[in-house]
Amino acid sequence: MTLIKSISGIRGTIGGKAGNGLTPSDIVKYTAAYGRWVIETTGNHKIVIGRDARISGQMVNHLVIGTLIGMGINVVDLGLSTTPTVEIAVPAEQAGGGIIITASHNPKQWNALKLLNFKGEFINDDEGKKVLELAEYTEWQFAEVDKLGNVINDDSYLQKHIDKILALPLVDIIAIKSADFKVVIDCVNSTGGIFLPPLLKALGVTQIEELYCTPNGEFPHNPEPLPENLTAISDKVLEVKADLGIVVDPDVDRLCFVNEDGTMFGEEYTLVAVADYVLKHTPGNSVSNLSSTRALRDVTESSGGTYEASAVGEVNVVTKMKAVNAVIGGEGNGGIIYPELHYGRDALVGIALFLTHLAKSKKSISALRQDYSAYYISKNKITLNEGMDIDGLLKRVEAKYQHQPYSTIDGLKIEFEKQWVHLRKSNTEPVIRIYSESDSMQRADELAQSIIKDIEQYLDN
């Protein structure tokens, strides 16, 4: 059993002993800590919650609601929802924060409490540490009977979210409808099955083939939207002669596409294509994390904007986006952050912007993919002995390549013209993760191996 306590929330496997898994007592403990933090920092006694469709969701939902009510906090329960929908609802409800009950792309035995601030954005490092500190406080004071909170069940935010997307100037319903796309969707039997069909119909898409759209939490495949997990939708796109396939993860904040020939558009290129469309119509800057493809920089600079990189993590991307006034940003895992709507990864707005872009291009999706620089990312890791000085190792690599452009805001990223390698230490195990990118997989692998040899040499000395 596993319980991971991080700044952005509490994630773990269901069951086991308290403190070793996401058990009922752990759920109550961390929900109470978060509720206390919201009251202390905002004075606001209202919190919005929503959940994905995983099997344990109802159990966790009941515990979260009961705990918050017991603290005198009023709860707006969106029920089966998406991460971006809860993010939109928090400021709309003038709440002090929000909890999303989801383990995102993790398998069904996992669940998590993802924590939002009053803006509907993920809490930052300092805020997360304060919540974890409060969780160790044992002398909780709960509300007396006349001061208990109450619950409002609100299922209106599906439509409210869609309406906000349809109102965006860059979403062109007429163009999408005229394109008459035939679409296959894979919603991994979670809440995308509730949200994607109404969104697509509102955008004028009438030909929709549904795969795994029953929100029962029985994931038919590993829910992370990677090519090896998407064979069924690839086959279905070919079978029904669809124009494209659309895939989301269980909480609908990650997005990827399947080409009309059954090949993958490329998860890294979800953001690239959407950014290309946005930047052509809204000149400005873009942001992604250090481990995302260089192709975003290419399309940004070709539109006259400036690309900036952030540390890995959605909250870090958002912070950098605000600092440089970026008009588009996100992560190479298919996470689109479009601040015109809100500062959070949102597959639903990503779908609307991408379909508009595709419709206006008058191209097939595979032809559109050819518009962008071809880069390939190699992902490797080195496992080290416990207690080893990983920071010292990274410093030695940094010294060797000090004459190359490099960044140390999140591990070590070294650039070699249009190639790069990014080294990050794991927060949970003695591992250095090594991501590299080049214009071919062979060269990306070779770049990674050259850095691995450097590290191995240092280990031998």
Protein backbone atom coordinates (compact mmCIF):
# COMPACT_ATOMS: atom_id res chain seq x y z
CA MET A 1 0.00 0.00 0.00
CA THR A 2 1.16 3.53 -0.76
CA LEU A 3 0.40 6.98 0.62
CA ILE A 4 2.12 9.98 -0.96
CA LYS A 5 1.83 13.33 0.79
CA SER A 6 2.82 16.17 -1.51
CA ILE A 7 2.25 19.89 -1.80
CA SER A 8 -0.55 19.51 -4.35
CA GLY A 9 -2.53 16.86 -2.49
CA ILE A 10 -2.74 13.44 -0.91
CA ARG A 11 -2.51 10.42 -3.19
CA GLY A 12 -2.56 6.76 -2.31
CA THR A 13 -3.85 3.26 -2.85
CA ILE A 14 -7.15 2.40 -1.23
CA GLY A 15 -7.08 0.24 1.91
CA GLY A 16 -4.39 -1.07 4.22
CA LYS A 17 -3.18 0.36 7.50
CA ALA A 18 -3.68 4.02 8.39
CA GLY A 19 -0.70 6.02 7.24
CA ASN A 20 0.31 3.39 4.68
CA GLY A 21 -2.59 3.75 2.25
CA LEU A 22 -5.45 6.12 1.53
CA THR A 23 -7.63 4.81 4.37
CA PRO A 24 -10.77 6.45 5.80
CA SER A 25 -8.80 7.85 8.74
CA ASP A 26 -6.22 9.36 6.38
CA ILE A 27 -8.95 10.91 4.25
CA VAL A 28 -10.54 12.51 7.33
CA LYS A 29 -7.16 13.68 8.66
CA TYR A 30 -6.06 15.49 5.51
CA THR A 31 -9.51 16.81 4.65
CA ALA A 32 -9.73 18.35 8.13
CA ALA A 33 -6.27 19.89 7.74
CA TYR A 34 -7.21 21.40 4.40
CA GLY A 35 -10.56 22.65 5.73
CA ARG A 36 -8.76 24.32 8.65
CA TRP A 37 -6.26 25.91 6.24
CA VAL A 38 -9.08 27.32 4.09
CA ILE A 39 -10.83 28.84 7.12
CA GLU A 40 -7.61 30.28 8.55
CA THR A 41 -6.41 31.82 5.27
CA THR A 42 -9.67 33.02 3.74
CA GLY A 43 -12.26 33.14 6.52
CA ASN A 44 -14.52 31.46 3.97
CA HIS A 45 -16.63 28.49 5.11
CA LYS A 46 -17.50 27.18 1.64
CA ILE A 47 -15.62 24.50 -0.35
CA VAL A 48 -16.48 23.00 -3.75
CA ILE A 49 -15.87 19.30 -4.35
CA GLY A 50 -16.16 16.99 -7.35
CA ARG A 51 -14.90 13.56 -8.29
CA ASP A 52 -14.03 11.30 -11.17
CA ALA A 53 -15.79 7.95 -11.61
CA ARG A 54 -13.26 5.60 -10.04
CA ILE A 55 -14.68 2.83 -7.85
CA SER A 56 -13.56 4.32 -4.53
CA GLY A 57 -14.85 7.79 -5.38
CA GLN A 58 -18.18 7.53 -3.62
CA MET A 59 -16.58 6.29 -0.41
CA VAL A 60 -13.99 9.07 -0.42
CA ASN A 61 -16.66 11.62 -1.33
CA HIS A 62 -18.80 10.72 1.69
CA LEU A 63 -15.85 10.97 4.05
CA VAL A 64 -14.75 14.33 2.65
CA ILE A 65 -18.26 15.78 2.88
CA GLY A 66 -18.81 14.48 6.39
CA THR A 67 -15.52 15.89 7.60
CA LEU A 68 -16.09 19.33 6.10
CA ILE A 69 -19.64 19.52 7.45
CA GLY A 70 -18.30 18.55 10.87
CA MET A 71 -15.95 21.53 10.69
CA GLY A 72 -18.82 23.92 10.01
CA ILE A 73 -17.98 24.21 6.31
CA ASN A 74 -20.66 24.40 3.63
CA VAL A 75 -20.04 22.06 0.71
CA VAL A 76 -21.03 22.52 -2.92
CA ASP A 77 -20.91 18.98 -4.31
CA LEU A 78 -20.67 18.79 -8.11
CA GLY A 79 -20.84 14.99 -8.00
CA LEU A 80 -19.28 13.24 -10.99
CA SER A 81 -17.26 16.01 -12.57
CA THR A 82 -13.86 16.90 -14.02
CA THR A 83 -10.82 18.59 -12.58
CA PRO A 84 -11.17 21.71 -14.80
CA THR A 85 -14.90 21.96 -14.02
CA VAL A 86 -14.22 22.09 -10.28
CA GLU A 87 -11.51 24.69 -10.94
CA ILE A 88 -14.06 26.86 -12.75
CA ALA A 89 -16.71 26.35 -10.06
CA VAL A 90 -14.59 27.49 -7.10
CA PRO A 91 -14.41 31.20 -8.04
CA ALA A 92 -17.90 31.08 -9.56
CA GLU A 93 -19.25 29.92 -6.19
CA GLN A 94 -17.05 32.44 -4.32
CA ALA A 95 -15.72 29.50 -2.32
CA GLY A 96 -12.60 29.40 -0.19
CA GLY A 97 -11.21 26.42 -2.07
CA GLY A 98 -11.94 23.13 -3.74
CA ILE A 99 -11.15 19.43 -3.51
CA ILE A 100 -11.04 17.19 -6.55
CA ILE A 101 -11.31 13.51 -5.68
CA THR A 102 -9.24 11.88 -8.41
CA ALA A 103 -5.96 10.08 -8.92
CA SER A 104 -5.86 11.39 -12.49
CA HIS A 105 -4.14 8.83 -14.75
CA ASN A 106 -3.29 6.35 -11.98
CA PRO A 107 -4.87 2.85 -12.05
CA LYS A 108 -8.15 2.10 -10.30
CA GLN A 109 -6.65 1.13 -6.91
CA TRP A 110 -5.49 4.73 -6.49
CA ASN A 111 -7.38 7.82 -5.42
CA ALA A 112 -6.38 11.28 -4.21
CA LEU A 113 -7.45 14.59 -2.77
CA LYS A 114 -6.29 17.38 -5.10
CA LEU A 115 -6.42 20.73 -3.36
CA LEU A 116 -7.34 24.13 -4.81
CA ASN A 117 -7.10 27.68 -3.49
CA PHE A 118 -9.89 30.27 -3.65
CA LYS A 119 -8.97 31.07 -7.27
CA GLY A 120 -9.61 27.49 -8.32
CA GLU A 121 -5.89 26.88 -8.86
CA PHE A 122 -3.70 24.22 -7.27
CA ILE A 123 -2.17 25.29 -3.98
CA ASN A 124 1.52 26.18 -4.12
CA ASP A 125 4.52 24.78 -2.28
CA ASP A 126 4.22 26.94 0.84
CA GLU A 127 0.46 26.39 1.07
CA GLY A 128 0.86 22.64 0.63
CA LYS A 129 3.47 22.47 3.39
CA LYS A 130 1.12 24.33 5.72
CA VAL A 131 -1.68 21.83 5.06
CA LEU A 132 0.67 18.93 5.77
CA GLU A 133 1.79 20.66 8.96
CA LEU A 134 -1.82 21.12 10.09
CA ALA A 135 -2.49 17.44 9.41
CA GLU A 136 -0.15 16.50 12.25
CA TYR A 137 -2.22 18.52 14.73
CA THR A 138 -4.19 16.07 16.87
CA GLU A 139 -6.41 18.27 19.03
CA TRP A 140 -9.05 19.12 16.42
CA GLN A 141 -12.01 21.26 17.41
CA PHE A 142 -15.11 20.42 15.38
CA ALA A 143 -18.36 22.36 15.10
CA GLU A 144 -21.21 21.97 17.55
CA VAL A 145 -24.55 20.70 16.30
CA ASP A 146 -26.08 24.10 15.56
CA LYS A 147 -23.00 25.18 13.58
CA LEU A 148 -22.55 22.19 11.29
CA GLY A 149 -22.14 22.92 7.61
CA ASN A 150 -24.60 21.93 4.90
CA VAL A 151 -24.42 20.39 1.45
CA ILE A 152 -25.71 21.72 -1.84
CA ASN A 153 -25.71 19.23 -4.72
CA ASP A 154 -25.15 21.13 -7.95
CA ASP A 155 -25.05 19.37 -11.31
CA SER A 156 -25.29 22.57 -13.36
CA TYR A 157 -21.59 23.03 -13.96
CA LEU A 158 -21.35 20.64 -16.90
CA GLN A 159 -23.44 23.07 -18.91
CA LYS A 160 -21.81 26.12 -17.35
CA HIS A 161 -18.38 24.84 -18.35
CA ILE A 162 -19.52 24.13 -21.91
CA ASP A 163 -21.17 27.55 -22.16
CA LYS A 164 -17.95 29.28 -21.11
CA ILE A 165 -16.05 27.35 -23.80
CA LEU A 166 -18.60 28.18 -26.50
CA ALA A 167 -18.34 31.88 -25.60
CA LEU A 168 -14.60 32.03 -26.27
CA PRO A 169 -13.81 34.16 -29.36
CA LEU A 170 -11.35 31.60 -30.74
CA VAL A 171 -13.87 28.75 -30.65
CA ASP A 172 -15.61 28.71 -34.04
CA ILE A 173 -18.71 26.51 -33.91
CA ILE A 174 -19.65 27.29 -37.51
CA ALA A 175 -16.27 26.12 -38.81
CA ILE A 176 -16.40 22.91 -36.76
CA LYS A 177 -19.95 22.14 -37.85
CA SER A 178 -19.09 22.78 -41.51
CA ALA A 179 -16.16 20.35 -41.28
CA ASP A 180 -18.64 17.58 -40.37
CA PHE A 181 -16.06 15.61 -38.42
CA LYS A 182 -16.57 11.96 -37.61
CA VAL A 183 -15.02 11.43 -34.18
CA VAL A 184 -14.25 8.46 -31.95
CA ILE A 185 -13.84 9.17 -28.24
CA ASP A 186 -12.23 7.08 -25.47
CA CYS A 187 -13.22 8.27 -21.99
CA VAL A 188 -11.81 5.30 -20.05
CA ASN A 189 -15.18 4.74 -18.29
CA SER A 190 -14.85 7.91 -16.24
CA THR A 191 -16.40 11.37 -16.28
CA GLY A 192 -15.24 12.21 -19.79
CA GLY A 193 -18.10 9.94 -20.83
CA ILE A 194 -20.49 12.44 -19.24
CA PHE A 195 -18.80 15.61 -20.49
CA LEU A 196 -17.39 14.92 -23.97
CA PRO A 197 -20.56 13.96 -25.86
CA PRO A 198 -22.49 17.11 -24.81
CA LEU A 199 -19.47 19.29 -25.59
CA LEU A 200 -18.98 17.80 -29.03
CA LYS A 201 -22.69 18.10 -29.85
CA ALA A 202 -22.65 21.74 -28.71
CA LEU A 203 -19.69 22.31 -31.04
CA GLY A 204 -21.67 20.93 -33.98
CA VAL A 205 -20.16 17.43 -34.12
CA THR A 206 -22.94 14.97 -34.93
CA GLN A 207 -20.97 11.82 -35.79
CA ILE A 208 -19.65 10.51 -32.47
CA GLU A 209 -18.53 6.93 -31.85
CA GLU A 210 -18.21 6.28 -28.11
CA LEU A 211 -15.69 3.94 -26.52
CA TYR A 212 -15.67 3.36 -22.75
CA CYS A 213 -18.05 6.17 -21.89
CA THR A 214 -19.88 4.49 -19.00
CA PRO A 215 -18.73 6.29 -15.81
CA ASN A 216 -18.39 3.20 -13.63
CA GLY A 217 -14.66 3.41 -12.85
CA GLU A 218 -13.90 0.07 -14.48
CA PHE A 219 -10.97 1.24 -16.56
CA PRO A 220 -10.74 -0.98 -19.67
CA HIS A 221 -7.03 -0.25 -20.05
CA ASN A 222 -4.30 1.62 -18.21
CA PRO A 223 -5.89 5.09 -17.94
CA GLU A 224 -2.74 7.04 -18.81
CA PRO A 225 -3.24 8.24 -22.42
CA LEU A 226 -0.05 6.76 -23.87
CA PRO A 227 0.14 5.02 -27.28
CA GLU A 228 0.55 1.53 -25.82
CA ASN A 229 -2.77 1.96 -23.98
CA LEU A 230 -4.77 3.22 -26.95
CA THR A 231 -4.91 0.30 -29.35
CA ALA A 232 -8.71 -0.02 -29.13
CA ILE A 233 -9.43 3.54 -30.24
CA SER A 234 -6.76 3.31 -32.92
CA ASP A 235 -8.50 0.24 -34.36
CA LYS A 236 -11.93 1.88 -34.04
CA VAL A 237 -10.84 5.02 -35.91
CA LEU A 238 -9.76 2.82 -38.83
CA GLU A 239 -12.86 0.61 -38.63
CA VAL A 240 -15.40 3.44 -38.86
CA LYS A 241 -13.22 5.65 -41.09
CA ALA A 242 -13.26 8.49 -38.56
CA ASP A 243 -11.52 11.82 -39.10
CA LEU A 244 -9.86 11.59 -35.69
CA GLY A 245 -9.94 10.04 -32.25
CA ILE A 246 -10.05 11.94 -28.96
CA VAL A 247 -8.74 10.51 -25.69
CA VAL A 248 -8.93 11.96 -22.18
CA ASP A 249 -7.75 10.68 -18.80
CA PRO A 250 -10.15 9.91 -15.90
CA ASP A 251 -10.40 13.50 -14.61
CA VAL A 252 -10.33 15.12 -18.08
CA ASP A 253 -7.33 17.39 -17.72
CA ARG A 254 -5.10 15.53 -20.19
CA LEU A 255 -5.86 15.22 -23.90
CA CYS A 256 -4.46 13.41 -26.91
CA PHE A 257 -5.56 12.69 -30.47
CA VAL A 258 -5.48 9.78 -32.88
CA ASN A 259 -4.90 10.41 -36.60
CA GLU A 260 -7.31 9.19 -39.26
CA ASP A 261 -4.87 6.39 -40.15
CA GLY A 262 -4.84 5.08 -36.57
CA THR A 263 -1.44 6.53 -35.69
CA MET A 264 -0.93 8.86 -32.75
CA PHE A 265 -0.88 12.63 -33.24
CA GLY A 266 1.54 12.68 -30.31
CA GLU A 267 0.68 13.72 -26.76
CA GLU A 268 3.48 16.30 -26.80
CA TYR A 269 1.92 17.89 -29.88
CA THR A 270 -1.52 18.46 -28.35
CA LEU A 271 -0.21 21.67 -26.76
CA VAL A 272 1.90 22.54 -29.80
CA ALA A 273 -1.07 22.49 -32.20
CA VAL A 274 -3.42 24.37 -29.86
CA ALA A 275 -0.70 26.94 -29.13
CA ASP A 276 -0.07 27.40 -32.86
CA TYR A 277 -3.73 28.28 -33.38
CA VAL A 278 -3.97 30.54 -30.33
CA LEU A 279 -0.71 32.41 -31.05
CA LYS A 280 -1.67 33.09 -34.66
CA HIS A 281 -4.80 34.88 -33.45
CA THR A 282 -3.57 36.22 -30.10
CA PRO A 283 0.08 37.32 -30.30
CA GLY A 284 1.92 36.67 -27.06
CA ASN A 285 4.11 34.33 -25.08
CA SER A 286 3.92 30.65 -24.18
CA VAL A 287 5.12 28.43 -21.32
CA SER A 288 5.65 24.72 -20.81
CA ASN A 289 7.74 22.75 -18.35
CA LEU A 290 11.41 21.90 -18.91
CA SER A 291 10.63 18.33 -19.99
CA SER A 292 8.24 19.32 -22.79
CA THR A 293 9.05 19.39 -26.49
CA ARG A 294 10.98 22.20 -28.14
CA ALA A 295 8.29 22.34 -30.83
CA LEU A 296 6.30 24.76 -28.64
CA ARG A 297 9.23 27.17 -28.71
CA ASP A 298 9.37 26.86 -32.50
CA VAL A 299 5.70 27.77 -33.07
CA THR A 300 5.87 30.55 -30.47
CA GLU A 301 8.91 32.22 -32.03
CA SER A 302 7.46 31.83 -35.53
CA SER A 303 4.47 33.87 -34.32
CA GLY A 304 6.71 36.57 -32.84
CA GLY A 305 6.29 35.55 -29.22
CA THR A 306 8.69 34.42 -26.52
CA TYR A 307 8.80 30.93 -25.08
CA GLU A 308 9.61 30.39 -21.39
CA ALA A 309 10.19 27.16 -19.48
CA SER A 310 9.08 26.41 -15.94
CA ALA A 311 9.85 23.74 -13.40
CA VAL A 312 7.84 20.53 -13.81
CA GLY A 313 4.37 20.67 -12.24
CA GLU A 314 1.14 22.44 -13.19
CA VAL A 315 1.39 25.01 -10.39
CA ASN A 316 4.87 25.97 -11.63
CA VAL A 317 3.66 26.34 -15.20
CA VAL A 318 0.81 28.58 -14.04
CA THR A 319 3.15 30.72 -11.94
CA LYS A 320 5.48 31.25 -14.90
CA MET A 321 2.55 31.96 -17.25
CA LYS A 322 1.37 34.74 -14.97
CA ALA A 323 4.89 36.14 -14.67
CA VAL A 324 5.41 36.41 -18.43
CA ASN A 325 1.76 37.12 -19.32
CA ALA A 326 1.54 34.01 -21.49
CA VAL A 327 -1.56 33.56 -23.65
CA ILE A 328 -1.17 29.79 -23.80
CA GLY A 329 0.74 27.17 -21.84
CA GLY A 330 0.69 23.68 -20.45
CA GLU A 331 2.61 20.46 -20.27
CA GLY A 332 3.80 17.90 -22.78
CA ASN A 333 1.51 15.27 -21.25
CA GLY A 334 -1.44 16.73 -23.16
CA GLY A 335 -2.29 19.41 -20.61
CA ILE A 336 -3.66 22.63 -22.14
CA ILE A 337 -3.80 25.76 -19.98
CA TYR A 338 -5.74 28.57 -21.65
CA PRO A 339 -5.95 31.54 -19.26
CA GLU A 340 -8.72 33.18 -21.28
CA LEU A 341 -10.90 30.52 -19.61
CA HIS A 342 -8.98 29.65 -16.42
CA TYR A 343 -5.52 28.76 -15.13
CA GLY A 344 -5.72 24.99 -15.15
CA ARG A 345 -5.20 22.07 -17.50
CA ASP A 346 -8.45 21.60 -19.37
CA ALA A 347 -9.05 18.90 -22.00
CA LEU A 348 -12.49 20.29 -22.82
CA VAL A 349 -11.27 23.71 -23.96
CA GLY A 350 -8.36 21.93 -25.66
CA ILE A 351 -10.83 19.91 -27.75
CA ALA A 352 -12.77 23.03 -28.78
CA LEU A 353 -9.64 24.97 -29.79
CA PHE A 354 -8.08 21.99 -31.58
CA LEU A 355 -11.21 21.17 -33.59
CA THR A 356 -11.48 24.83 -34.62
CA HIS A 357 -7.84 24.79 -35.71
CA LEU A 358 -8.29 21.53 -37.62
CA ALA A 359 -11.49 22.73 -39.30
CA LYS A 360 -9.96 26.02 -40.42
CA SER A 361 -6.81 24.28 -41.71
CA LYS A 362 -8.89 22.26 -44.21
CA LYS A 363 -6.39 19.43 -43.66
CA SER A 364 -6.55 15.91 -42.34
CA ILE A 365 -5.24 15.59 -38.80
CA SER A 366 -2.16 13.68 -39.99
CA ALA A 367 -1.38 16.44 -42.51
CA LEU A 368 -1.76 19.05 -39.76
CA ARG A 369 0.75 17.11 -37.66
CA GLN A 370 3.28 17.44 -40.48
CA ASP A 371 3.19 21.24 -40.09
CA TYR A 372 5.21 20.97 -36.89
CA SER A 373 8.88 20.23 -36.28
CA ALA A 374 9.51 16.54 -35.73
CA TYR A 375 11.14 15.96 -32.36
CA TYR A 376 11.49 12.74 -30.38
CA ILE A 377 11.82 12.38 -26.61
CA SER A 378 13.76 9.55 -25.00
CA LYS A 379 12.90 8.78 -21.36
CA ASN A 380 15.46 7.02 -19.18
CA LYS A 381 16.45 6.74 -15.53
CA ILE A 382 19.38 5.70 -13.38
CA THR A 383 18.72 3.98 -10.05
CA LEU A 384 21.29 4.85 -7.40
CA ASN A 385 22.08 3.56 -3.93
CA GLU A 386 20.14 4.94 -0.97
CA GLY A 387 21.85 7.96 0.60
CA MET A 388 23.88 8.80 -2.47
CA ASP A 389 24.58 12.51 -3.08
CA ILE A 390 22.40 13.03 -6.15
CA ASP A 391 22.71 16.82 -5.96
CA GLY A 392 26.48 16.44 -6.02
CA LEU A 393 26.29 14.24 -9.12
CA LEU A 394 24.16 16.81 -10.93
CA LYS A 395 26.65 19.52 -9.96
CA ARG A 396 29.45 17.55 -11.60
CA VAL A 397 27.44 17.16 -14.82
CA GLU A 398 26.64 20.88 -14.70
CA ALA A 399 30.33 21.73 -14.38
CA LYS A 400 31.23 19.61 -17.40
CA TYR A 401 28.65 21.33 -19.62
CA GLN A 402 28.90 24.82 -18.15
CA HIS A 403 29.68 26.33 -21.56
CA GLN A 404 26.34 25.12 -22.96
CA PRO A 405 23.09 26.96 -22.26
CA TYR A 406 21.61 25.32 -19.18
CA SER A 407 19.00 25.75 -16.47
CA THR A 408 18.95 24.61 -12.84
CA ILE A 409 15.43 25.72 -11.89
CA ASP A 410 14.36 22.07 -11.77
CA GLY A 411 17.25 19.63 -11.74
CA LEU A 412 19.55 20.31 -14.68
CA LYS A 413 18.56 20.96 -18.30
CA ILE A 414 21.33 21.34 -20.89
CA GLU A 415 20.69 22.58 -24.43
CA PHE A 416 22.70 21.59 -27.51
CA GLU A 417 21.37 23.74 -30.37
CA LYS A 418 18.00 22.06 -31.09
CA GLN A 419 18.62 19.15 -28.73
CA TRP A 420 18.31 19.06 -24.96
CA VAL A 421 18.66 16.73 -22.01
CA HIS A 422 16.88 17.19 -18.67
CA LEU A 423 18.02 15.48 -15.46
CA ARG A 424 15.72 15.44 -12.41
CA LYS A 425 16.01 13.57 -9.15
CA SER A 426 12.96 11.73 -7.90
CA ASN A 427 11.36 12.99 -4.70
CA THR A 428 10.35 9.48 -3.62
CA GLU A 429 13.20 7.16 -4.64
CA PRO A 430 16.98 7.27 -5.33
CA VAL A 431 16.53 7.80 -9.06
CA ILE A 432 17.70 10.35 -11.61
CA ARG A 433 15.23 10.69 -14.47
CA ILE A 434 16.87 11.59 -17.77
CA TYR A 435 14.73 13.00 -20.60
CA SER A 436 16.35 13.96 -23.89
CA GLU A 437 14.98 15.32 -27.16
CA SER A 438 16.35 15.47 -30.68
CA ASP A 439 15.18 15.32 -34.29
CA SER A 440 15.32 11.51 -34.29
CA MET A 441 14.79 8.89 -31.62
CA GLN A 442 18.25 7.49 -32.31
CA ARG A 443 19.90 10.85 -31.62
CA ALA A 444 17.72 11.41 -28.55
CA ASP A 445 18.77 8.00 -27.20
CA GLU A 446 22.43 8.72 -27.99
CA LEU A 447 22.26 12.04 -26.16
CA ALA A 448 20.74 10.38 -23.10
CA GLN A 449 23.34 7.60 -23.15
CA SER A 450 26.20 10.10 -23.31
CA ILE A 451 24.92 11.77 -20.14
CA ILE A 452 24.36 8.39 -18.47
CA LYS A 453 27.99 7.49 -19.21
CA ASP A 454 29.10 10.76 -17.59
CA ILE A 455 27.16 9.88 -14.44
CA GLU A 456 28.45 6.30 -14.39
CA GLN A 457 32.00 7.61 -14.73
CA TYR A 458 31.49 9.93 -11.74
CA LEU A 459 30.07 7.02 -9.76
CA ASP A 460 33.18 4.94 -10.46
CA ASN A 461 35.54 7.69 -9.31
